[in-house]
């Protein structure tokens, strides 16, 4: 990455999703990365970020209720965003609907699984 970016990774806090979020963070060397579980998240965490990654293990986790409300009322047009889940296509479909109103830029297909060799390429596609 050419310039330091503020990256926000938001997960549902499940172990598998947390681990995948941590792998994403390790790939973003040189950026300022904040990882938050949704129960810890506030709107003031969202605005300063330049790049977003949202992940959950299953659709509609109860902890995402606040995030759903915030993203309905905030405009993040054009900012890069990546969606991920350890293995649930339904979860990434839910996440796609979740970020639609905020107009985040989904530059890459959602990431499913923990294949580290694919993860770096997916992150680069997401942030470019």
Protein backbone atom coordinates (compact mmCIF):
# COMPACT_ATOMS: atom_id res chain seq x y z
CA UNK A 1 0.00 0.00 0.00
CA UNK A 2 1.33 3.40 -0.95
CA UNK A 3 -0.04 5.52 1.92
CA UNK A 4 -1.00 4.68 5.46
CA UNK A 5 -4.66 3.98 5.70
CA UNK A 6 -6.99 3.73 8.65
CA UNK A 7 -8.56 0.29 8.43
CA UNK A 8 -11.52 -0.88 10.50
CA UNK A 9 -12.21 -4.61 10.79
CA UNK A 10 -15.56 -5.43 12.41
CA UNK A 11 -16.50 -8.97 13.42
CA UNK A 12 -19.32 -10.67 15.26
CA UNK A 13 -16.80 -11.89 17.84
CA UNK A 14 -17.07 -15.59 17.10
CA UNK A 15 -13.75 -17.41 17.26
CA UNK A 16 -13.56 -18.33 13.56
CA UNK A 17 -14.48 -14.84 12.40
CA UNK A 18 -12.13 -13.21 14.90
CA UNK A 19 -9.24 -15.35 13.65
CA UNK A 20 -10.00 -14.48 10.04
CA UNK A 21 -10.14 -10.77 10.98
CA UNK A 22 -6.73 -11.10 12.64
CA UNK A 23 -5.30 -12.70 9.49
CA UNK A 24 -6.63 -9.77 7.47
CA UNK A 25 -5.01 -7.34 9.91
CA UNK A 26 -1.62 -9.08 9.59
CA UNK A 27 -1.74 -8.67 5.81
CA UNK A 28 -2.28 -4.91 6.18
CA UNK A 29 1.20 -4.09 7.45
CA UNK A 30 1.87 -0.37 7.22
CA UNK A 31 -1.74 0.59 7.85
CA UNK A 32 -3.36 1.62 11.10
CA UNK A 33 -5.71 -1.28 11.79
CA UNK A 34 -8.43 -1.41 14.43
CA UNK A 35 -10.31 -4.65 15.05
CA UNK A 36 -13.64 -4.36 16.85
CA UNK A 37 -16.23 -6.89 17.88
CA UNK A 38 -19.67 -5.42 17.22
CA UNK A 39 -20.61 -5.16 20.91
CA UNK A 40 -17.60 -2.81 21.34
CA UNK A 41 -18.31 -0.74 18.23
CA UNK A 42 -19.47 2.90 18.25
CA UNK A 43 -20.25 5.27 15.40
CA UNK A 44 -17.10 7.22 16.22
CA UNK A 45 -15.07 4.13 15.27
CA UNK A 46 -16.62 4.06 11.81
CA UNK A 47 -16.12 7.58 10.47
CA UNK A 48 -12.30 7.87 10.67
CA UNK A 49 -11.69 4.69 8.67
CA UNK A 50 -10.60 4.76 5.03
CA UNK A 51 -11.12 1.03 4.44
CA UNK A 52 -13.61 -1.39 6.03
CA UNK A 53 -13.81 -5.14 6.47
CA UNK A 54 -16.99 -6.67 7.93
CA UNK A 55 -17.22 -10.32 8.90
CA UNK A 56 -19.67 -12.67 10.55
CA UNK A 57 -20.14 -16.40 10.88
CA UNK A 58 -23.89 -16.45 10.16
CA UNK A 59 -26.49 -13.98 8.87
CA UNK A 60 -28.11 -11.47 11.24
CA UNK A 61 -25.97 -11.98 14.33
CA UNK A 62 -27.70 -10.28 17.28
CA UNK A 63 -24.56 -8.24 17.97
CA UNK A 64 -24.90 -6.53 14.56
CA UNK A 65 -28.16 -4.72 15.44
CA UNK A 66 -26.37 -1.47 16.26
CA UNK A 67 -24.17 -1.68 13.16
CA UNK A 68 -27.26 -2.22 11.00
CA UNK A 69 -28.79 0.99 12.34
CA UNK A 70 -25.61 3.04 11.94
CA UNK A 71 -25.01 1.94 8.36
CA UNK A 72 -28.57 2.91 7.42
CA UNK A 73 -27.84 6.52 8.37
CA UNK A 74 -24.25 7.12 7.33
CA UNK A 75 -22.80 7.87 3.91
CA UNK A 76 -19.44 6.26 3.24
CA UNK A 77 -19.66 6.54 -0.53
CA UNK A 78 -16.67 5.22 -2.41
CA UNK A 79 -14.69 3.92 0.55
CA UNK A 80 -13.37 0.39 -0.05
CA UNK A 81 -15.04 -2.44 1.82
CA UNK A 82 -14.45 -6.16 2.04
CA UNK A 83 -16.94 -8.71 3.33
CA UNK A 84 -15.89 -12.04 4.80
CA UNK A 85 -17.13 -15.13 6.55
CA UNK A 86 -15.35 -18.28 7.65
CA UNK A 87 -17.68 -20.38 5.48
CA UNK A 88 -21.21 -18.99 5.11
CA UNK A 89 -22.42 -17.68 1.73
CA UNK A 90 -25.62 -16.58 3.51
CA UNK A 91 -23.56 -14.48 5.93
CA UNK A 92 -21.78 -12.58 3.15
CA UNK A 93 -25.08 -12.08 1.35
CA UNK A 94 -26.45 -10.54 4.55
CA UNK A 95 -23.33 -8.34 4.86
CA UNK A 96 -23.79 -7.13 1.27
CA UNK A 97 -27.31 -5.98 2.09
CA UNK A 98 -26.04 -4.43 5.33
CA UNK A 99 -23.56 -2.09 3.61
CA UNK A 100 -25.71 -1.21 0.58
CA UNK A 101 -27.30 1.97 1.99
CA UNK A 102 -23.98 3.38 3.17
CA UNK A 103 -22.66 3.16 -0.42
CA UNK A 104 -19.39 1.48 0.48
CA UNK A 105 -17.38 0.29 -2.52
CA UNK A 106 -17.34 -3.50 -2.74
CA UNK A 107 -14.45 -3.96 -5.15
CA UNK A 108 -13.99 -7.69 -4.62
CA UNK A 109 -16.25 -10.66 -4.19
CA UNK A 110 -16.72 -11.61 -0.53
CA UNK A 111 -14.09 -13.87 1.00
CA UNK A 112 -15.12 -17.31 2.26
CA UNK A 113 -12.75 -19.51 4.18
CA UNK A 114 -9.30 -19.21 5.61
CA UNK A 115 -7.02 -20.01 2.67
CA UNK A 116 -4.13 -17.68 3.45
CA UNK A 117 -2.73 -17.91 -0.09
CA UNK A 118 -5.98 -16.43 -1.44
CA UNK A 119 -6.40 -13.91 1.38
CA UNK A 120 -3.57 -11.54 0.38
CA UNK A 121 -4.81 -11.29 -3.20
CA UNK A 122 -8.38 -10.69 -2.02
CA UNK A 123 -7.24 -7.89 0.32
CA UNK A 124 -5.28 -6.20 -2.47
CA UNK A 125 -8.27 -6.35 -4.79
CA UNK A 126 -10.47 -4.93 -2.03
CA UNK A 127 -8.27 -1.94 -1.21
CA UNK A 128 -7.05 -0.95 -4.71
